[in-house]
Amino acid sequence: MYLHLGQNTVVRTKEIVGIFDLDTATVSAKTRGFLKKAQTDGKVISVSQELPKSFILCENGSVYISQLSPATLLSRAEKQK
C-alpha cells in the first residue's frame, strides 16, 4: 500500500518508520539535530510550499516534510487497511 503525503508524493506504507508532528517533535534538541543533519545530507524532501505540519521518516533515511497533519496522514493510512 501507499500513503499520499500531498502534492503528488506517495510512499510505501511499509517503508514508513514514523509520522511526527513538527510542532511537538521539534521541541527536543535531539530531533532538531536529527532534522538538521538530514537536511545537510540531502535527505529532506519538502512535499509542499505551504506551512509544514508533519515529517515522515522512512527506512532509507529520507525525511518528507508535509503540510498535512499527522492525524490526517494516520487517517489516510488506516483507510487503506
PDB file of N, CA and C in Angstrom:
ATOM      1  N   MET A   1       0.819  -1.172   0.000  1.00  0.00           N
ATOM      2  CA  MET A   1       0.000   0.000   0.000  1.00  0.00           C
ATOM      3  C   MET A   1       0.879   1.258   0.000  1.00  0.00           C
ATOM      4  N   TYR A   2       0.277   2.338  -0.422  1.00  0.00           N
ATOM      5  CA  TYR A   2       0.968   3.616  -0.493  1.00  0.00           C
ATOM      6  C   TYR A   2       0.211   4.674   0.304  1.00  0.00           C
ATOM      7  N   LEU A   3       0.959   5.636   0.823  1.00  0.00           N
ATOM      8  CA  LEU A   3       0.360   6.741   1.556  1.00  0.00           C
ATOM      9  C   LEU A   3       0.640   8.028   0.794  1.00  0.00           C
ATOM     10  N   HIS A   4      -0.427   8.761   0.488  1.00  0.00           N
ATOM     11  CA  HIS A   4      -0.305  10.037  -0.213  1.00  0.00           C
ATOM     12  C   HIS A   4       0.052  11.115   0.800  1.00  0.00           C
ATOM     13  N   LEU A   5       1.204  11.760   0.613  1.00  0.00           N
ATOM     14  CA  LEU A   5       1.697  12.770   1.548  1.00  0.00           C
ATOM     15  C   LEU A   5       1.316  14.184   1.136  1.00  0.00           C
ATOM     16  N   GLY A   6       0.738  14.320  -0.042  1.00  0.00           N
ATOM     17  CA  GLY A   6       0.376  15.629  -0.575  1.00  0.00           C
ATOM     18  C   GLY A   6       1.182  15.940  -1.819  1.00  0.00           C
ATOM     19  N   GLN A   7       0.604  16.786  -2.676  1.00  0.00           N
ATOM     20  CA  GLN A   7       1.296  17.273  -3.874  1.00  0.00           C
ATOM     21  C   GLN A   7       1.917  16.170  -4.730  1.00  0.00           C
ATOM     22  N   ASN A   8       1.185  15.161  -5.083  1.00  0.00           N
ATOM     23  CA  ASN A   8       1.661  14.091  -5.975  1.00  0.00           C
ATOM     24  C   ASN A   8       2.804  13.261  -5.394  1.00  0.00           C
ATOM     25  N   THR A   9       2.952  13.229  -4.095  1.00  0.00           N
ATOM     26  CA  THR A   9       4.011  12.442  -3.459  1.00  0.00           C
ATOM     27  C   THR A   9       3.390  11.298  -2.677  1.00  0.00           C
ATOM     28  N   VAL A  10       3.859  10.086  -2.966  1.00  0.00           N
ATOM     29  CA  VAL A  10       3.398   8.899  -2.250  1.00  0.00           C
ATOM     30  C   VAL A  10       4.605   8.084  -1.801  1.00  0.00           C
ATOM     31  N   VAL A  11       4.457   7.383  -0.681  1.00  0.00           N
ATOM     32  CA  VAL A  11       5.497   6.475  -0.206  1.00  0.00           C
ATOM     33  C   VAL A  11       4.826   5.158   0.179  1.00  0.00           C
ATOM     34  N   ARG A  12       5.591   4.099   0.118  1.00  0.00           N
ATOM     35  CA  ARG A  12       5.062   2.795   0.525  1.00  0.00           C
ATOM     36  C   ARG A  12       4.898   2.792   2.039  1.00  0.00           C
ATOM     37  N   THR A  13       3.747   2.347   2.516  1.00  0.00           N
ATOM     38  CA  THR A  13       3.464   2.380   3.948  1.00  0.00           C
ATOM     39  C   THR A  13       4.427   1.501   4.740  1.00  0.00           C
ATOM     40  N   LYS A  14       4.872   0.400   4.170  1.00  0.00           N
ATOM     41  CA  LYS A  14       5.775  -0.480   4.922  1.00  0.00           C
ATOM     42  C   LYS A  14       7.178   0.100   5.054  1.00  0.00           C
ATOM     43  N   GLU A  15       7.492   1.167   4.322  1.00  0.00           N
ATOM     44  CA  GLU A  15       8.789   1.832   4.429  1.00  0.00           C
ATOM     45  C   GLU A  15       8.774   2.966   5.453  1.00  0.00           C
ATOM     46  N   ILE A  16       7.590   3.306   5.974  1.00  0.00           N
ATOM     47  CA  ILE A  16       7.470   4.410   6.918  1.00  0.00           C
ATOM     48  C   ILE A  16       7.859   3.944   8.322  1.00  0.00           C
ATOM     49  N   VAL A  17       8.799   4.647   8.920  1.00  0.00           N
ATOM     50  CA  VAL A  17       9.230   4.366  10.286  1.00  0.00           C
ATOM     51  C   VAL A  17       8.325   5.109  11.262  1.00  0.00           C
ATOM     52  N   GLY A  18       7.994   6.364  10.932  1.00  0.00           N
ATOM     53  CA  GLY A  18       7.146   7.149  11.819  1.00  0.00           C
ATOM     54  C   GLY A  18       6.642   8.411  11.163  1.00  0.00           C
ATOM     55  N   ILE A  19       5.531   8.900  11.704  1.00  0.00           N
ATOM     56  CA  ILE A  19       4.945  10.169  11.281  1.00  0.00           C
ATOM     57  C   ILE A  19       4.933  11.057  12.518  1.00  0.00           C
ATOM     58  N   PHE A  20       5.540  12.237  12.406  1.00  0.00           N
ATOM     59  CA  PHE A  20       5.749  13.087  13.567  1.00  0.00           C
ATOM     60  C   PHE A  20       5.171  14.482  13.359  1.00  0.00           C
ATOM     61  N   ASP A  21       4.649  15.048  14.434  1.00  0.00           N
ATOM     62  CA  ASP A  21       4.128  16.407  14.426  1.00  0.00           C
ATOM     63  C   ASP A  21       5.322  17.358  14.579  1.00  0.00           C
ATOM     64  N   LEU A  22       5.477  18.279  13.647  1.00  0.00           N
ATOM     65  CA  LEU A  22       6.614  19.201  13.700  1.00  0.00           C
ATOM     66  C   LEU A  22       6.580  20.112  14.923  1.00  0.00           C
ATOM     67  N   ASP A  23       5.401  20.534  15.335  1.00  0.00           N
ATOM     68  CA  ASP A  23       5.308  21.442  16.486  1.00  0.00           C
ATOM     69  C   ASP A  23       5.793  20.788  17.773  1.00  0.00           C
ATOM     70  N   THR A  24       5.409  19.562  18.007  1.00  0.00           N
ATOM     71  CA  THR A  24       5.771  18.912  19.263  1.00  0.00           C
ATOM     72  C   THR A  24       7.122  18.202  19.186  1.00  0.00           C
ATOM     73  N   ALA A  25       7.446  17.623  18.058  1.00  0.00           N
ATOM     74  CA  ALA A  25       8.695  16.866  17.940  1.00  0.00           C
ATOM     75  C   ALA A  25       9.924  17.763  17.955  1.00  0.00           C
ATOM     76  N   THR A  26       9.808  18.959  17.412  1.00  0.00           N
ATOM     77  CA  THR A  26      10.987  19.827  17.328  1.00  0.00           C
ATOM     78  C   THR A  26      11.276  20.575  18.629  1.00  0.00           C
ATOM     79  N   VAL A  27      10.516  20.290  19.665  1.00  0.00           N
ATOM     80  CA  VAL A  27      10.834  20.827  20.992  1.00  0.00           C
ATOM     81  C   VAL A  27      12.140  20.208  21.479  1.00  0.00           C
ATOM     82  N   SER A  28      12.375  18.967  21.121  1.00  0.00           N
ATOM     83  CA  SER A  28      13.578  18.250  21.533  1.00  0.00           C
ATOM     84  C   SER A  28      14.790  18.686  20.701  1.00  0.00           C
ATOM     85  N   ALA A  29      15.872  18.961  21.385  1.00  0.00           N
ATOM     86  CA  ALA A  29      17.113  19.333  20.698  1.00  0.00           C
ATOM     87  C   ALA A  29      17.630  18.179  19.839  1.00  0.00           C
ATOM     88  N   LYS A  30      17.407  16.943  20.279  1.00  0.00           N
ATOM     89  CA  LYS A  30      17.864  15.786  19.504  1.00  0.00           C
ATOM     90  C   LYS A  30      17.116  15.686  18.175  1.00  0.00           C
ATOM     91  N   THR A  31      15.827  15.964  18.201  1.00  0.00           N
ATOM     92  CA  THR A  31      15.048  15.921  16.959  1.00  0.00           C
ATOM     93  C   THR A  31      15.489  17.035  16.023  1.00  0.00           C
ATOM     94  N   ARG A  32      15.691  18.219  16.552  1.00  0.00           N
ATOM     95  CA  ARG A  32      16.169  19.337  15.726  1.00  0.00           C
ATOM     96  C   ARG A  32      17.529  19.002  15.119  1.00  0.00           C
ATOM     97  N   GLY A  33      18.396  18.388  15.911  1.00  0.00           N
ATOM     98  CA  GLY A  33      19.707  17.973  15.400  1.00  0.00           C
ATOM     99  C   GLY A  33      19.589  16.928  14.305  1.00  0.00           C
ATOM    100  N   PHE A  34      18.689  15.968  14.511  1.00  0.00           N
ATOM    101  CA  PHE A  34      18.466  14.932  13.500  1.00  0.00           C
ATOM    102  C   PHE A  34      17.989  15.555  12.195  1.00  0.00           C
ATOM    103  N   LEU A  35      17.016  16.457  12.286  1.00  0.00           N
ATOM    104  CA  LEU A  35      16.472  17.088  11.079  1.00  0.00           C
ATOM    105  C   LEU A  35      17.525  17.960  10.390  1.00  0.00           C
ATOM    106  N   LYS A  36      18.346  18.630  11.170  1.00  0.00           N
ATOM    107  CA  LYS A  36      19.416  19.454  10.597  1.00  0.00           C
ATOM    108  C   LYS A  36      20.420  18.586   9.846  1.00  0.00           C
ATOM    109  N   LYS A  37      20.800  17.450  10.433  1.00  0.00           N
ATOM    110  CA  LYS A  37      21.740  16.531   9.765  1.00  0.00           C
ATOM    111  C   LYS A  37      21.135  15.954   8.494  1.00  0.00           C
ATOM    112  N   ALA A  38      19.849  15.575   8.566  1.00  0.00           N
ATOM    113  CA  ALA A  38      19.166  15.050   7.376  1.00  0.00           C
ATOM    114  C   ALA A  38      19.139  16.098   6.268  1.00  0.00           C
ATOM    115  N   GLN A  39      18.911  17.354   6.640  1.00  0.00           N
ATOM    116  CA  GLN A  39      18.913  18.448   5.656  1.00  0.00           C
ATOM    117  C   GLN A  39      20.301  18.597   5.042  1.00  0.00           C
ATOM    118  N   THR A  40      21.338  18.564   5.870  1.00  0.00           N
ATOM    119  CA  THR A  40      22.716  18.680   5.394  1.00  0.00           C
ATOM    120  C   THR A  40      23.080  17.530   4.456  1.00  0.00           C
ATOM    121  N   ASP A  41      22.587  16.333   4.775  1.00  0.00           N
ATOM    122  CA  ASP A  41      22.870  15.145   3.966  1.00  0.00           C
ATOM    123  C   ASP A  41      22.006  15.056   2.706  1.00  0.00           C
ATOM    124  N   GLY A  42      21.096  15.992   2.520  1.00  0.00           N
ATOM    125  CA  GLY A  42      20.244  15.999   1.333  1.00  0.00           C
ATOM    126  C   GLY A  42      19.127  14.974   1.375  1.00  0.00           C
ATOM    127  N   LYS A  43      18.722  14.569   2.562  1.00  0.00           N
ATOM    128  CA  LYS A  43      17.694  13.539   2.690  1.00  0.00           C
ATOM    129  C   LYS A  43      16.307  14.108   2.989  1.00  0.00           C
ATOM    130  N   VAL A  44      16.194  15.424   3.090  1.00  0.00           N
ATOM    131  CA  VAL A  44      14.907  16.051   3.367  1.00  0.00           C
ATOM    132  C   VAL A  44      14.228  16.409   2.050  1.00  0.00           C
ATOM    133  N   ILE A  45      12.983  15.978   1.919  1.00  0.00           N
ATOM    134  CA  ILE A  45      12.187  16.240   0.725  1.00  0.00           C
ATOM    135  C   ILE A  45      10.951  17.003   1.160  1.00  0.00           C
ATOM    136  N   SER A  46      10.835  18.235   0.708  1.00  0.00           N
ATOM    137  CA  SER A  46       9.672  19.043   1.044  1.00  0.00           C
ATOM    138  C   SER A  46       8.565  18.738   0.041  1.00  0.00           C
ATOM    139  N   VAL A  47       7.406  18.372   0.558  1.00  0.00           N
ATOM    140  CA  VAL A  47       6.283  17.975  -0.287  1.00  0.00           C
ATOM    141  C   VAL A  47       5.455  19.179  -0.720  1.00  0.00           C
ATOM    142  N   SER A  48       5.515  20.274   0.009  1.00  0.00           N
ATOM    143  CA  SER A  48       4.663  21.419  -0.287  1.00  0.00           C
ATOM    144  C   SER A  48       5.366  22.721   0.064  1.00  0.00           C
ATOM    145  N   GLN A  49       4.888  23.788  -0.532  1.00  0.00           N
ATOM    146  CA  GLN A  49       5.393  25.123  -0.225  1.00  0.00           C
ATOM    147  C   GLN A  49       4.623  25.754   0.933  1.00  0.00           C
ATOM    148  N   GLU A  50       3.569  25.078   1.402  1.00  0.00           N
ATOM    149  CA  GLU A  50       2.744  25.597   2.488  1.00  0.00           C
ATOM    150  C   GLU A  50       3.430  25.353   3.839  1.00  0.00           C
ATOM    151  N   LEU A  51       2.807  25.878   4.893  1.00  0.00           N
ATOM    152  CA  LEU A  51       3.331  25.726   6.243  1.00  0.00           C
ATOM    153  C   LEU A  51       3.408  24.241   6.607  1.00  0.00           C
ATOM    154  N   PRO A  52       4.588  23.720   6.935  1.00  0.00           N
ATOM    155  CA  PRO A  52       4.712  22.294   7.260  1.00  0.00           C
ATOM    156  C   PRO A  52       4.105  21.965   8.614  1.00  0.00           C
ATOM    157  N   LYS A  53       3.449  20.795   8.674  1.00  0.00           N
ATOM    158  CA  LYS A  53       2.828  20.354   9.918  1.00  0.00           C
ATOM    159  C   LYS A  53       3.397  19.036  10.419  1.00  0.00           C
ATOM    160  N   SER A  54       4.010  18.258   9.527  1.00  0.00           N
ATOM    161  CA  SER A  54       4.499  16.946   9.939  1.00  0.00           C
ATOM    162  C   SER A  54       5.742  16.569   9.145  1.00  0.00           C
ATOM    163  N   PHE A  55       6.461  15.583   9.697  1.00  0.00           N
ATOM    164  CA  PHE A  55       7.520  14.976   8.905  1.00  0.00           C
ATOM    165  C   PHE A  55       7.392  13.468   9.007  1.00  0.00           C
ATOM    166  N   ILE A  56       7.762  12.814   7.913  1.00  0.00           N
ATOM    167  CA  ILE A  56       7.619  11.372   7.786  1.00  0.00           C
ATOM    168  C   ILE A  56       9.019  10.804   7.582  1.00  0.00           C
ATOM    169  N   LEU A  57       9.412   9.902   8.458  1.00  0.00           N
ATOM    170  CA  LEU A  57      10.727   9.265   8.380  1.00  0.00           C
ATOM    171  C   LEU A  57      10.569   7.894   7.739  1.00  0.00           C
ATOM    172  N   CYS A  58      11.384   7.626   6.730  1.00  0.00           N
ATOM    173  CA  CYS A  58      11.335   6.343   6.032  1.00  0.00           C
ATOM    174  C   CYS A  58      12.588   5.515   6.336  1.00  0.00           C
ATOM    175  N   GLU A  59      12.487   4.216   6.086  1.00  0.00           N
ATOM    176  CA  GLU A  59      13.580   3.281   6.384  1.00  0.00           C
ATOM    177  C   GLU A  59      14.900   3.666   5.737  1.00  0.00           C
ATOM    178  N   ASN A  60      14.848   4.233   4.538  1.00  0.00           N
ATOM    179  CA  ASN A  60      16.084   4.575   3.824  1.00  0.00           C
ATOM    180  C   ASN A  60      16.715   5.875   4.324  1.00  0.00           C
ATOM    181  N   GLY A  61      16.108   6.488   5.348  1.00  0.00           N
ATOM    182  CA  GLY A  61      16.640   7.717   5.921  1.00  0.00           C
ATOM    183  C   GLY A  61      16.047   8.984   5.341  1.00  0.00           C
ATOM    184  N   SER A  62      15.201   8.847   4.333  1.00  0.00           N
ATOM    185  CA  SER A  62      14.538  10.021   3.760  1.00  0.00           C
ATOM    186  C   SER A  62      13.553  10.608   4.758  1.00  0.00           C
ATOM    187  N   VAL A  63      13.469  11.929   4.758  1.00  0.00           N
ATOM    188  CA  VAL A  63      12.537  12.639   5.623  1.00  0.00           C
ATOM    189  C   VAL A  63      11.667  13.513   4.725  1.00  0.00           C
ATOM    190  N   TYR A  64      10.383  13.243   4.721  1.00  0.00           N
ATOM    191  CA  TYR A  64       9.433  14.024   3.939  1.00  0.00           C
ATOM    192  C   TYR A  64       8.776  15.053   4.852  1.00  0.00           C
ATOM    193  N   ILE A  65       8.761  16.309   4.417  1.00  0.00           N
ATOM    194  CA  ILE A  65       8.104  17.380   5.158  1.00  0.00           C
ATOM    195  C   ILE A  65       6.769  17.635   4.455  1.00  0.00           C
ATOM    196  N   SER A  66       5.666  17.511   5.206  1.00  0.00           N
ATOM    197  CA  SER A  66       4.339  17.626   4.614  1.00  0.00           C
ATOM    198  C   SER A  66       3.509  18.715   5.277  1.00  0.00           C
ATOM    199  N   GLN A  67       2.616  19.306   4.497  1.00  0.00           N
ATOM    200  CA  GLN A  67       1.691  20.299   5.023  1.00  0.00           C
ATOM    201  C   GLN A  67       0.486  19.640   5.697  1.00  0.00           C
ATOM    202  N   LEU A  68       0.380  18.330   5.589  1.00  0.00           N
ATOM    203  CA  LEU A  68      -0.733  17.599   6.201  1.00  0.00           C
ATOM    204  C   LEU A  68      -0.408  17.271   7.655  1.00  0.00           C
ATOM    205  N   SER A  69      -1.421  17.294   8.489  1.00  0.00           N
ATOM    206  CA  SER A  69      -1.221  16.978   9.906  1.00  0.00           C
ATOM    207  C   SER A  69      -0.984  15.480  10.081  1.00  0.00           C
ATOM    208  N   PRO A  70      -0.316  15.093  11.150  1.00  0.00           N
ATOM    209  CA  PRO A  70      -0.125  13.669  11.417  1.00  0.00           C
ATOM    210  C   PRO A  70      -1.460  12.922  11.519  1.00  0.00           C
ATOM    211  N   ALA A  71      -2.484  13.563  12.082  1.00  0.00           N
ATOM    212  CA  ALA A  71      -3.797  12.926  12.200  1.00  0.00           C
ATOM    213  C   ALA A  71      -4.390  12.626  10.829  1.00  0.00           C
ATOM    214  N   THR A  72      -4.234  13.536   9.890  1.00  0.00           N
ATOM    215  CA  THR A  72      -4.734  13.322   8.526  1.00  0.00           C
ATOM    216  C   THR A  72      -3.992  12.171   7.857  1.00  0.00           C
ATOM    217  N   LEU A  73      -2.676  12.150   8.014  1.00  0.00           N
ATOM    218  CA  LEU A  73      -1.881  11.076   7.409  1.00  0.00           C
ATOM    219  C   LEU A  73      -2.228   9.723   8.024  1.00  0.00           C
ATOM    220  N   LEU A  74      -2.407   9.683   9.337  1.00  0.00           N
ATOM    221  CA  LEU A  74      -2.787   8.445  10.008  1.00  0.00           C
ATOM    222  C   LEU A  74      -4.150   7.972   9.525  1.00  0.00           C
ATOM    223  N   SER A  75      -5.076   8.887   9.376  1.00  0.00           N
ATOM    224  CA  SER A  75      -6.414   8.547   8.891  1.00  0.00           C
ATOM    225  C   SER A  75      -6.339   7.951   7.492  1.00  0.00           C
ATOM    226  N   ARG A  76      -5.526   8.532   6.629  1.00  0.00           N
ATOM    227  CA  ARG A  76      -5.357   8.012   5.269  1.00  0.00           C
ATOM    228  C   ARG A  76      -4.761   6.607   5.301  1.00  0.00           C
ATOM    229  N   ALA A  77      -3.787   6.402   6.160  1.00  0.00           N
ATOM    230  CA  ALA A  77      -3.138   5.092   6.260  1.00  0.00           C
ATOM    231  C   ALA A  77      -4.126   4.034   6.762  1.00  0.00           C
ATOM    232  N   GLU A  78      -4.934   4.396   7.730  1.00  0.00           N
ATOM    233  CA  GLU A  78      -5.905   3.434   8.304  1.00  0.00           C
ATOM    234  C   GLU A  78      -6.993   3.077   7.313  1.00  0.00           C
ATOM    235  N   LYS A  79      -7.367   3.981   6.436  1.00  0.00           N
ATOM    236  CA  LYS A  79      -8.401   3.717   5.430  1.00  0.00           C
ATOM    237  C   LYS A  79      -7.953   2.670   4.432  1.00  0.00           C
ATOM    238  N   GLN A  80      -6.664   2.514   4.259  1.00  0.00           N
ATOM    239  CA  GLN A  80      -6.125   1.577   3.272  1.00  0.00           C
ATOM    240  C   GLN A  80      -6.065   0.153   3.798  1.00  0.00           C
ATOM    241  N   LYS A  81      -6.237  -0.047   5.090  1.00  0.00           N
ATOM    242  CA  LYS A  81      -6.125  -1.393   5.655  1.00  0.00           C
ATOM    243  C   LYS A  81      -7.301  -2.243   5.282  1.00  0.00           C
TER     244      LYS A  81
END
